[in-house]
């Protein structure tokens, strides 16, 4: 009889702990705050504790992104909207 080794059953990682599922999937559009910059220059955001890398952003940006790739521990996204900033125009009459 061949049995499964501990931790190698369905839904479990190598060490026997339940696998986490990412809170996002490819195609999801979410708004995130860029909390830091990674070593390769990509912005780092978190969605429910899940790390998402977003290129062409800087720390402090609040952007809408589309998830492009999801791995076990991290995700990747692209910006789909610019940071929302309120613009106040001076409308003095001369």
PDB file of N, CA and C in Angstrom:
ATOM      1  N   UNK A   1       0.845  -1.187   0.000  1.00  0.00           N
ATOM      2  CA  UNK A   1       0.000   0.000   0.000  1.00  0.00           C
ATOM      3  C   UNK A   1       0.884   1.242   0.000  1.00  0.00           C
ATOM      4  N   UNK A   2       0.632   2.099  -0.957  1.00  0.00           N
ATOM      5  CA  UNK A   2       1.374   3.356  -0.991  1.00  0.00           C
ATOM      6  C   UNK A   2       0.513   4.448  -0.393  1.00  0.00           C
ATOM      7  N   UNK A   3       1.008   5.066   0.630  1.00  0.00           N
ATOM      8  CA  UNK A   3       0.277   6.155   1.261  1.00  0.00           C
ATOM      9  C   UNK A   3       0.918   7.481   0.940  1.00  0.00           C
ATOM     10  N   UNK A   4       0.195   8.507   1.217  1.00  0.00           N
ATOM     11  CA  UNK A   4       0.737   9.850   1.016  1.00  0.00           C
ATOM     12  C   UNK A   4       1.623  10.211   2.187  1.00  0.00           C
ATOM     13  N   UNK A   5       2.670  10.915   1.897  1.00  0.00           N
ATOM     14  CA  UNK A   5       3.519  11.423   2.965  1.00  0.00           C
ATOM     15  C   UNK A   5       2.811  12.600   3.606  1.00  0.00           C
ATOM     16  N   UNK A   6       3.078  12.807   4.867  1.00  0.00           N
ATOM     17  CA  UNK A   6       2.451  13.907   5.598  1.00  0.00           C
ATOM     18  C   UNK A   6       2.686  15.223   4.875  1.00  0.00           C
ATOM     19  N   UNK A   7       1.618  15.983   4.711  1.00  0.00           N
ATOM     20  CA  UNK A   7       1.751  17.312   4.131  1.00  0.00           C
ATOM     21  C   UNK A   7       1.675  17.348   2.624  1.00  0.00           C
ATOM     22  N   UNK A   8       1.506  16.198   1.984  1.00  0.00           N
ATOM     23  CA  UNK A   8       1.466  16.206   0.532  1.00  0.00           C
ATOM     24  C   UNK A   8       0.071  15.909  -0.009  1.00  0.00           C
ATOM     25  N   UNK A   9      -0.916  15.976   0.840  1.00  0.00           N
ATOM     26  CA  UNK A   9      -2.280  15.748   0.394  1.00  0.00           C
ATOM     27  C   UNK A   9      -2.848  16.965  -0.298  1.00  0.00           C
ATOM     28  N   UNK A  10      -4.035  16.804  -0.808  1.00  0.00           N
ATOM     29  CA  UNK A  10      -4.700  17.887  -1.522  1.00  0.00           C
ATOM     30  C   UNK A  10      -4.915  19.086  -0.602  1.00  0.00           C
ATOM     31  N   UNK A  11      -4.544  20.270  -1.102  1.00  0.00           N
ATOM     32  CA  UNK A  11      -4.787  21.498  -0.352  1.00  0.00           C
ATOM     33  C   UNK A  11      -3.780  21.795   0.734  1.00  0.00           C
ATOM     34  N   UNK A  12      -2.685  21.059   0.746  1.00  0.00           N
ATOM     35  CA  UNK A  12      -1.670  21.309   1.761  1.00  0.00           C
ATOM     36  C   UNK A  12      -0.329  21.568   1.104  1.00  0.00           C
ATOM     37  N   UNK A  13       0.432  22.419   1.745  1.00  0.00           N
ATOM     38  CA  UNK A  13       1.766  22.715   1.245  1.00  0.00           C
ATOM     39  C   UNK A  13       2.724  21.625   1.695  1.00  0.00           C
ATOM     40  N   UNK A  14       3.955  21.764   1.341  1.00  0.00           N
ATOM     41  CA  UNK A  14       4.968  20.773   1.653  1.00  0.00           C
ATOM     42  C   UNK A  14       5.064  20.474   3.142  1.00  0.00           C
ATOM     43  N   UNK A  15       4.956  21.465   3.972  1.00  0.00           N
ATOM     44  CA  UNK A  15       5.140  21.277   5.415  1.00  0.00           C
ATOM     45  C   UNK A  15       3.854  20.867   6.133  1.00  0.00           C
ATOM     46  N   UNK A  16       2.783  20.647   5.424  1.00  0.00           N
ATOM     47  CA  UNK A  16       1.553  20.196   6.051  1.00  0.00           C
ATOM     48  C   UNK A  16       0.606  21.289   6.467  1.00  0.00           C
ATOM     49  N   UNK A  17       0.986  22.552   6.226  1.00  0.00           N
ATOM     50  CA  UNK A  17       0.103  23.649   6.573  1.00  0.00           C
ATOM     51  C   UNK A  17      -0.846  23.905   5.410  1.00  0.00           C
ATOM     52  N   UNK A  18      -2.060  24.341   5.686  1.00  0.00           N
ATOM     53  CA  UNK A  18      -2.993  24.633   4.593  1.00  0.00           C
ATOM     54  C   UNK A  18      -2.423  25.712   3.672  1.00  0.00           C
ATOM     55  N   UNK A  19      -2.623  25.559   2.371  1.00  0.00           N
ATOM     56  CA  UNK A  19      -2.164  26.567   1.423  1.00  0.00           C
ATOM     57  C   UNK A  19      -3.062  27.792   1.518  1.00  0.00           C
ATOM     58  N   UNK A  20      -2.438  28.953   1.426  1.00  0.00           N
ATOM     59  CA  UNK A  20      -3.197  30.200   1.408  1.00  0.00           C
ATOM     60  C   UNK A  20      -3.624  30.461  -0.023  1.00  0.00           C
ATOM     61  N   UNK A  21      -4.794  31.007  -0.180  1.00  0.00           N
ATOM     62  CA  UNK A  21      -5.211  31.419  -1.511  1.00  0.00           C
ATOM     63  C   UNK A  21      -5.103  32.933  -1.581  1.00  0.00           C
ATOM     64  N   UNK A  22      -4.665  33.414  -2.712  1.00  0.00           N
ATOM     65  CA  UNK A  22      -4.496  34.850  -2.897  1.00  0.00           C
ATOM     66  C   UNK A  22      -5.863  35.535  -2.864  1.00  0.00           C
ATOM     67  N   UNK A  23      -5.938  36.727  -2.263  1.00  0.00           N
ATOM     68  CA  UNK A  23      -7.210  37.453  -2.200  1.00  0.00           C
ATOM     69  C   UNK A  23      -7.535  38.176  -3.504  1.00  0.00           C
ATOM     70  N   UNK A  24      -6.680  38.013  -4.521  1.00  0.00           N
ATOM     71  CA  UNK A  24      -6.913  38.626  -5.830  1.00  0.00           C
ATOM     72  C   UNK A  24      -6.711  37.575  -6.906  1.00  0.00           C
ATOM     73  N   UNK A  25      -7.267  37.846  -8.093  1.00  0.00           N
ATOM     74  CA  UNK A  25      -7.038  36.956  -9.231  1.00  0.00           C
ATOM     75  C   UNK A  25      -6.741  37.800 -10.466  1.00  0.00           C
ATOM     76  N   UNK A  26      -6.156  37.187 -11.465  1.00  0.00           N
ATOM     77  CA  UNK A  26      -5.804  37.898 -12.689  1.00  0.00           C
ATOM     78  C   UNK A  26      -7.050  38.571 -13.267  1.00  0.00           C
ATOM     79  N   UNK A  27      -6.908  39.858 -13.603  1.00  0.00           N
ATOM     80  CA  UNK A  27      -8.021  40.626 -14.163  1.00  0.00           C
ATOM     81  C   UNK A  27      -8.738  41.499 -13.152  1.00  0.00           C
ATOM     82  N   UNK A  28      -8.565  41.217 -11.857  1.00  0.00           N
ATOM     83  CA  UNK A  28      -9.205  42.057 -10.834  1.00  0.00           C
ATOM     84  C   UNK A  28      -8.676  43.487 -10.937  1.00  0.00           C
ATOM     85  N   UNK A  29      -9.553  44.459 -10.747  1.00  0.00           N
ATOM     86  CA  UNK A  29      -9.147  45.861 -10.677  1.00  0.00           C
ATOM     87  C   UNK A  29      -9.438  46.346  -9.265  1.00  0.00           C
ATOM     88  N   UNK A  30      -8.388  46.843  -8.608  1.00  0.00           N
ATOM     89  CA  UNK A  30      -8.503  47.295  -7.221  1.00  0.00           C
ATOM     90  C   UNK A  30      -7.762  48.613  -7.053  1.00  0.00           C
ATOM     91  N   UNK A  31      -8.088  49.347  -5.994  1.00  0.00           N
ATOM     92  CA  UNK A  31      -7.348  50.559  -5.648  1.00  0.00           C
ATOM     93  C   UNK A  31      -6.422  50.223  -4.501  1.00  0.00           C
ATOM     94  N   UNK A  32      -5.162  50.667  -4.623  1.00  0.00           N
ATOM     95  CA  UNK A  32      -4.164  50.365  -3.608  1.00  0.00           C
ATOM     96  C   UNK A  32      -3.343  51.606  -3.274  1.00  0.00           C
ATOM     97  N   UNK A  33      -2.725  51.565  -2.113  1.00  0.00           N
ATOM     98  CA  UNK A  33      -1.768  52.589  -1.705  1.00  0.00           C
ATOM     99  C   UNK A  33      -0.377  51.977  -1.822  1.00  0.00           C
ATOM    100  N   UNK A  34       0.535  52.681  -2.466  1.00  0.00           N
ATOM    101  CA  UNK A  34       1.906  52.205  -2.594  1.00  0.00           C
ATOM    102  C   UNK A  34       2.621  52.519  -1.280  1.00  0.00           C
ATOM    103  N   UNK A  35       3.028  51.466  -0.574  1.00  0.00           N
ATOM    104  CA  UNK A  35       3.600  51.613   0.760  1.00  0.00           C
ATOM    105  C   UNK A  35       5.121  51.702   0.754  1.00  0.00           C
ATOM    106  N   UNK A  36       5.753  51.146  -0.282  1.00  0.00           N
ATOM    107  CA  UNK A  36       7.215  51.128  -0.336  1.00  0.00           C
ATOM    108  C   UNK A  36       7.651  50.910  -1.775  1.00  0.00           C
ATOM    109  N   UNK A  37       8.970  50.954  -1.973  1.00  0.00           N
ATOM    110  CA  UNK A  37       9.549  50.696  -3.287  1.00  0.00           C
ATOM    111  C   UNK A  37      10.478  49.487  -3.162  1.00  0.00           C
ATOM    112  N   UNK A  38      10.325  48.525  -4.079  1.00  0.00           N
ATOM    113  CA  UNK A  38      11.151  47.330  -4.054  1.00  0.00           C
ATOM    114  C   UNK A  38      12.545  47.583  -4.600  1.00  0.00           C
ATOM    115  N   UNK A  39      13.404  46.577  -4.487  1.00  0.00           N
ATOM    116  CA  UNK A  39      14.799  46.714  -4.910  1.00  0.00           C
ATOM    117  C   UNK A  39      14.944  46.951  -6.411  1.00  0.00           C
ATOM    118  N   UNK A  40      13.940  46.566  -7.200  1.00  0.00           N
ATOM    119  CA  UNK A  40      13.987  46.778  -8.651  1.00  0.00           C
ATOM    120  C   UNK A  40      13.216  48.022  -9.080  1.00  0.00           C
ATOM    121  N   UNK A  41      12.739  48.800  -8.098  1.00  0.00           N
ATOM    122  CA  UNK A  41      12.078  50.062  -8.399  1.00  0.00           C
ATOM    123  C   UNK A  41      10.569  50.001  -8.508  1.00  0.00           C
ATOM    124  N   UNK A  42       9.972  48.829  -8.376  1.00  0.00           N
ATOM    125  CA  UNK A  42       8.513  48.712  -8.445  1.00  0.00           C
ATOM    126  C   UNK A  42       7.886  49.117  -7.119  1.00  0.00           C
ATOM    127  N   UNK A  43       6.686  49.705  -7.209  1.00  0.00           N
ATOM    128  CA  UNK A  43       5.949  50.030  -6.007  1.00  0.00           C
ATOM    129  C   UNK A  43       5.422  48.767  -5.357  1.00  0.00           C
ATOM    130  N   UNK A  44       5.330  48.793  -4.037  1.00  0.00           N
ATOM    131  CA  UNK A  44       4.822  47.645  -3.286  1.00  0.00           C
ATOM    132  C   UNK A  44       3.550  48.074  -2.571  1.00  0.00           C
ATOM    133  N   UNK A  45       2.484  47.336  -2.835  1.00  0.00           N
ATOM    134  CA  UNK A  45       1.203  47.570  -2.171  1.00  0.00           C
ATOM    135  C   UNK A  45       0.767  46.263  -1.524  1.00  0.00           C
ATOM    136  N   UNK A  46      -0.222  46.349  -0.648  1.00  0.00           N
ATOM    137  CA  UNK A  46      -0.768  45.143  -0.035  1.00  0.00           C
ATOM    138  C   UNK A  46      -2.276  45.160  -0.155  1.00  0.00           C
ATOM    139  N   UNK A  47      -2.814  44.002  -0.483  1.00  0.00           N
ATOM    140  CA  UNK A  47      -4.257  43.797  -0.536  1.00  0.00           C
ATOM    141  C   UNK A  47      -4.565  42.657   0.422  1.00  0.00           C
ATOM    142  N   UNK A  48      -5.154  42.986   1.567  1.00  0.00           N
ATOM    143  CA  UNK A  48      -5.463  42.005   2.607  1.00  0.00           C
ATOM    144  C   UNK A  48      -4.211  41.231   3.004  1.00  0.00           C
ATOM    145  N   UNK A  49      -3.081  41.936   3.118  1.00  0.00           N
ATOM    146  CA  UNK A  49      -1.831  41.323   3.524  1.00  0.00           C
ATOM    147  C   UNK A  49      -1.044  40.667   2.405  1.00  0.00           C
ATOM    148  N   UNK A  50      -1.613  40.594   1.218  1.00  0.00           N
ATOM    149  CA  UNK A  50      -0.974  39.971   0.054  1.00  0.00           C
ATOM    150  C   UNK A  50      -0.193  41.035  -0.705  1.00  0.00           C
ATOM    151  N   UNK A  51       1.097  40.787  -0.944  1.00  0.00           N
ATOM    152  CA  UNK A  51       1.972  41.771  -1.586  1.00  0.00           C
ATOM    153  C   UNK A  51       1.719  41.817  -3.089  1.00  0.00           C
ATOM    154  N   UNK A  52       1.583  43.049  -3.600  1.00  0.00           N
ATOM    155  CA  UNK A  52       1.381  43.272  -5.039  1.00  0.00           C
ATOM    156  C   UNK A  52       2.419  44.290  -5.513  1.00  0.00           C
ATOM    157  N   UNK A  53       3.173  43.921  -6.556  1.00  0.00           N
ATOM    158  CA  UNK A  53       4.169  44.820  -7.142  1.00  0.00           C
ATOM    159  C   UNK A  53       3.539  45.594  -8.293  1.00  0.00           C
ATOM    160  N   UNK A  54       3.765  46.914  -8.302  1.00  0.00           N
ATOM    161  CA  UNK A  54       3.178  47.786  -9.314  1.00  0.00           C
ATOM    162  C   UNK A  54       4.271  48.692  -9.890  1.00  0.00           C
ATOM    163  N   UNK A  55       4.694  48.447 -11.148  1.00  0.00           N
ATOM    164  CA  UNK A  55       5.719  49.308 -11.740  1.00  0.00           C
ATOM    165  C   UNK A  55       5.192  50.718 -12.012  1.00  0.00           C
ATOM    166  N   UNK A  56       6.133  51.651 -12.183  1.00  0.00           N
ATOM    167  CA  UNK A  56       5.817  53.050 -12.519  1.00  0.00           C
ATOM    168  C   UNK A  56       4.978  53.751 -11.456  1.00  0.00           C
ATOM    169  N   UNK A  57       5.258  53.446 -10.203  1.00  0.00           N
ATOM    170  CA  UNK A  57       4.592  54.123  -9.094  1.00  0.00           C
ATOM    171  C   UNK A  57       5.654  54.541  -8.087  1.00  0.00           C
ATOM    172  N   UNK A  58       5.239  55.402  -7.168  1.00  0.00           N
ATOM    173  CA  UNK A  58       6.163  55.819  -6.112  1.00  0.00           C
ATOM    174  C   UNK A  58       5.438  55.758  -4.768  1.00  0.00           C
ATOM    175  N   UNK A  59       6.230  55.709  -3.716  1.00  0.00           N
ATOM    176  CA  UNK A  59       5.679  55.612  -2.373  1.00  0.00           C
ATOM    177  C   UNK A  59       4.697  56.754  -2.136  1.00  0.00           C
ATOM    178  N   UNK A  60       3.533  56.423  -1.600  1.00  0.00           N
ATOM    179  CA  UNK A  60       2.504  57.417  -1.317  1.00  0.00           C
ATOM    180  C   UNK A  60       1.425  57.513  -2.386  1.00  0.00           C
ATOM    181  N   UNK A  61       1.669  56.940  -3.566  1.00  0.00           N
ATOM    182  CA  UNK A  61       0.652  56.963  -4.631  1.00  0.00           C
ATOM    183  C   UNK A  61      -0.569  56.148  -4.221  1.00  0.00           C
ATOM    184  N   UNK A  62      -1.730  56.607  -4.624  1.00  0.00           N
ATOM    185  CA  UNK A  62      -2.982  55.850  -4.487  1.00  0.00           C
ATOM    186  C   UNK A  62      -3.468  55.630  -5.911  1.00  0.00           C
ATOM    187  N   UNK A  63      -3.424  54.385  -6.383  1.00  0.00           N
ATOM    188  CA  UNK A  63      -3.715  54.108  -7.783  1.00  0.00           C
ATOM    189  C   UNK A  63      -4.677  52.938  -7.950  1.00  0.00           C
ATOM    190  N   UNK A  64      -5.360  52.962  -9.078  1.00  0.00           N
ATOM    191  CA  UNK A  64      -6.198  51.836  -9.473  1.00  0.00           C
ATOM    192  C   UNK A  64      -5.324  50.933 -10.334  1.00  0.00           C
ATOM    193  N   UNK A  65      -5.331  49.626 -10.031  1.00  0.00           N
ATOM    194  CA  UNK A  65      -4.485  48.687 -10.758  1.00  0.00           C
ATOM    195  C   UNK A  65      -5.292  47.489 -11.233  1.00  0.00           C
ATOM    196  N   UNK A  66      -4.746  46.823 -12.256  1.00  0.00           N
ATOM    197  CA  UNK A  66      -5.319  45.565 -12.759  1.00  0.00           C
ATOM    198  C   UNK A  66      -4.289  44.472 -12.483  1.00  0.00           C
ATOM    199  N   UNK A  67      -4.720  43.411 -11.829  1.00  0.00           N
ATOM    200  CA  UNK A  67      -3.828  42.298 -11.513  1.00  0.00           C
ATOM    201  C   UNK A  67      -3.487  41.558 -12.804  1.00  0.00           C
ATOM    202  N   UNK A  68      -2.168  41.367 -13.057  1.00  0.00           N
ATOM    203  CA  UNK A  68      -1.726  40.723 -14.294  1.00  0.00           C
ATOM    204  C   UNK A  68      -1.149  39.326 -14.072  1.00  0.00           C
ATOM    205  N   UNK A  69      -0.675  39.064 -12.858  1.00  0.00           N
ATOM    206  CA  UNK A  69      -0.082  37.757 -12.568  1.00  0.00           C
ATOM    207  C   UNK A  69      -0.195  37.500 -11.075  1.00  0.00           C
ATOM    208  N   UNK A  70      -0.527  36.260 -10.707  1.00  0.00           N
ATOM    209  CA  UNK A  70      -0.637  35.897  -9.300  1.00  0.00           C
ATOM    210  C   UNK A  70       0.191  34.643  -9.055  1.00  0.00           C
ATOM    211  N   UNK A  71       1.134  34.762  -8.129  1.00  0.00           N
ATOM    212  CA  UNK A  71       1.924  33.617  -7.692  1.00  0.00           C
ATOM    213  C   UNK A  71       1.456  33.214  -6.300  1.00  0.00           C
ATOM    214  N   UNK A  72       2.118  32.245  -5.708  1.00  0.00           N
ATOM    215  CA  UNK A  72       1.699  31.768  -4.389  1.00  0.00           C
ATOM    216  C   UNK A  72       1.754  32.867  -3.329  1.00  0.00           C
ATOM    217  N   UNK A  73       2.849  33.642  -3.323  1.00  0.00           N
ATOM    218  CA  UNK A  73       3.041  34.625  -2.252  1.00  0.00           C
ATOM    219  C   UNK A  73       2.952  36.082  -2.679  1.00  0.00           C
ATOM    220  N   UNK A  74       2.997  36.357  -3.969  1.00  0.00           N
ATOM    221  CA  UNK A  74       2.971  37.743  -4.448  1.00  0.00           C
ATOM    222  C   UNK A  74       2.163  37.843  -5.733  1.00  0.00           C
ATOM    223  N   UNK A  75       1.780  39.073  -6.042  1.00  0.00           N
ATOM    224  CA  UNK A  75       1.083  39.345  -7.290  1.00  0.00           C
ATOM    225  C   UNK A  75       1.738  40.504  -8.010  1.00  0.00           C
ATOM    226  N   UNK A  76       1.366  40.677  -9.271  1.00  0.00           N
ATOM    227  CA  UNK A  76       1.891  41.764 -10.090  1.00  0.00           C
ATOM    228  C   UNK A  76       0.716  42.467 -10.736  1.00  0.00           C
ATOM    229  N   UNK A  77       0.834  43.780 -10.895  1.00  0.00           N
ATOM    230  CA  UNK A  77      -0.278  44.556 -11.439  1.00  0.00           C
ATOM    231  C   UNK A  77       0.257  45.688 -12.298  1.00  0.00           C
ATOM    232  N   UNK A  78      -0.653  46.266 -13.099  1.00  0.00           N
ATOM    233  CA  UNK A  78      -0.325  47.443 -13.896  1.00  0.00           C
ATOM    234  C   UNK A  78      -1.312  48.537 -13.550  1.00  0.00           C
ATOM    235  N   UNK A  79      -0.847  49.782 -13.635  1.00  0.00           N
ATOM    236  CA  UNK A  79      -1.738  50.914 -13.364  1.00  0.00           C
ATOM    237  C   UNK A  79      -2.788  51.003 -14.455  1.00  0.00           C
ATOM    238  N   UNK A  80      -4.029  51.263 -14.059  1.00  0.00           N
ATOM    239  CA  UNK A  80      -5.090  51.504 -15.045  1.00  0.00           C
ATOM    240  C   UNK A  80      -5.692  52.888 -14.859  1.00  0.00           C
ATOM    241  N   UNK A  81      -5.310  53.568 -13.794  1.00  0.00           N
ATOM    242  CA  UNK A  81      -5.812  54.911 -13.545  1.00  0.00           C
ATOM    243  C   UNK A  81      -4.734  55.736 -12.890  1.00  0.00           C
ATOM    244  N   UNK A  82      -4.778  57.013 -13.127  1.00  0.00           N
ATOM    245  CA  UNK A  82      -3.814  57.911 -12.514  1.00  0.00           C
ATOM    246  C   UNK A  82      -4.239  58.214 -11.084  1.00  0.00           C
ATOM    247  N   UNK A  83      -3.286  58.660 -10.290  1.00  0.00           N
ATOM    248  CA  UNK A  83      -3.565  59.037  -8.920  1.00  0.00           C
ATOM    249  C   UNK A  83      -4.597  60.158  -8.918  1.00  0.00           C
ATOM    250  N   UNK A  84      -5.547  60.035  -8.033  1.00  0.00           N
ATOM    251  CA  UNK A  84      -6.597  61.049  -7.961  1.00  0.00           C
ATOM    252  C   UNK A  84      -6.112  62.211  -7.112  1.00  0.00           C
ATOM    253  N   UNK A  85      -5.976  63.363  -7.738  1.00  0.00           N
ATOM    254  CA  UNK A  85      -5.564  64.577  -7.030  1.00  0.00           C
ATOM    255  C   UNK A  85      -6.586  65.664  -7.330  1.00  0.00           C
ATOM    256  N   UNK A  86      -6.931  66.383  -6.303  1.00  0.00           N
ATOM    257  CA  UNK A  86      -7.887  67.469  -6.480  1.00  0.00           C
ATOM    258  C   UNK A  86      -7.150  68.693  -6.995  1.00  0.00           C
ATOM    259  N   UNK A  87      -7.638  69.253  -8.084  1.00  0.00           N
ATOM    260  CA  UNK A  87      -7.014  70.430  -8.676  1.00  0.00           C
ATOM    261  C   UNK A  87      -7.891  71.635  -8.365  1.00  0.00           C
ATOM    262  N   UNK A  88      -7.254  72.653  -7.782  1.00  0.00           N
ATOM    263  CA  UNK A  88      -7.987  73.884  -7.462  1.00  0.00           C
ATOM    264  C   UNK A  88      -7.463  74.971  -8.397  1.00  0.00           C
ATOM    265  N   UNK A  89      -8.368  75.524  -9.169  1.00  0.00           N
ATOM    266  CA  UNK A  89      -7.968  76.551 -10.123  1.00  0.00           C
ATOM    267  C   UNK A  89      -8.320  77.931  -9.571  1.00  0.00           C
ATOM    268  N   UNK A  90      -7.455  78.868  -9.872  1.00  0.00           N
ATOM    269  CA  UNK A  90      -7.695  80.255  -9.465  1.00  0.00           C
ATOM    270  C   UNK A  90      -8.554  80.902 -10.557  1.00  0.00           C
ATOM    271  N   UNK A  91      -9.731  81.357 -10.194  1.00  0.00           N
ATOM    272  CA  UNK A  91     -10.662  81.909 -11.192  1.00  0.00           C
ATOM    273  C   UNK A  91     -10.944  83.394 -10.920  1.00  0.00           C
ATOM    274  N   UNK A  92      -9.895  84.130 -10.598  1.00  0.00           N
ATOM    275  CA  UNK A  92     -10.063  85.563 -10.340  1.00  0.00           C
ATOM    276  C   UNK A  92     -10.399  86.292 -11.631  1.00  0.00           C
ATOM    277  N   UNK A  93     -11.289  87.261 -11.528  1.00  0.00           N
ATOM    278  CA  UNK A  93     -11.611  88.110 -12.679  1.00  0.00           C
ATOM    279  C   UNK A  93     -10.677  89.327 -12.670  1.00  0.00           C
ATOM    280  N   UNK A  94     -10.187  89.709 -13.807  1.00  0.00           N
ATOM    281  CA  UNK A  94      -9.284  90.863 -13.902  1.00  0.00           C
ATOM    282  C   UNK A  94     -10.013  92.043 -14.435  1.00  0.00           C
TER     283      UNK A  94
END
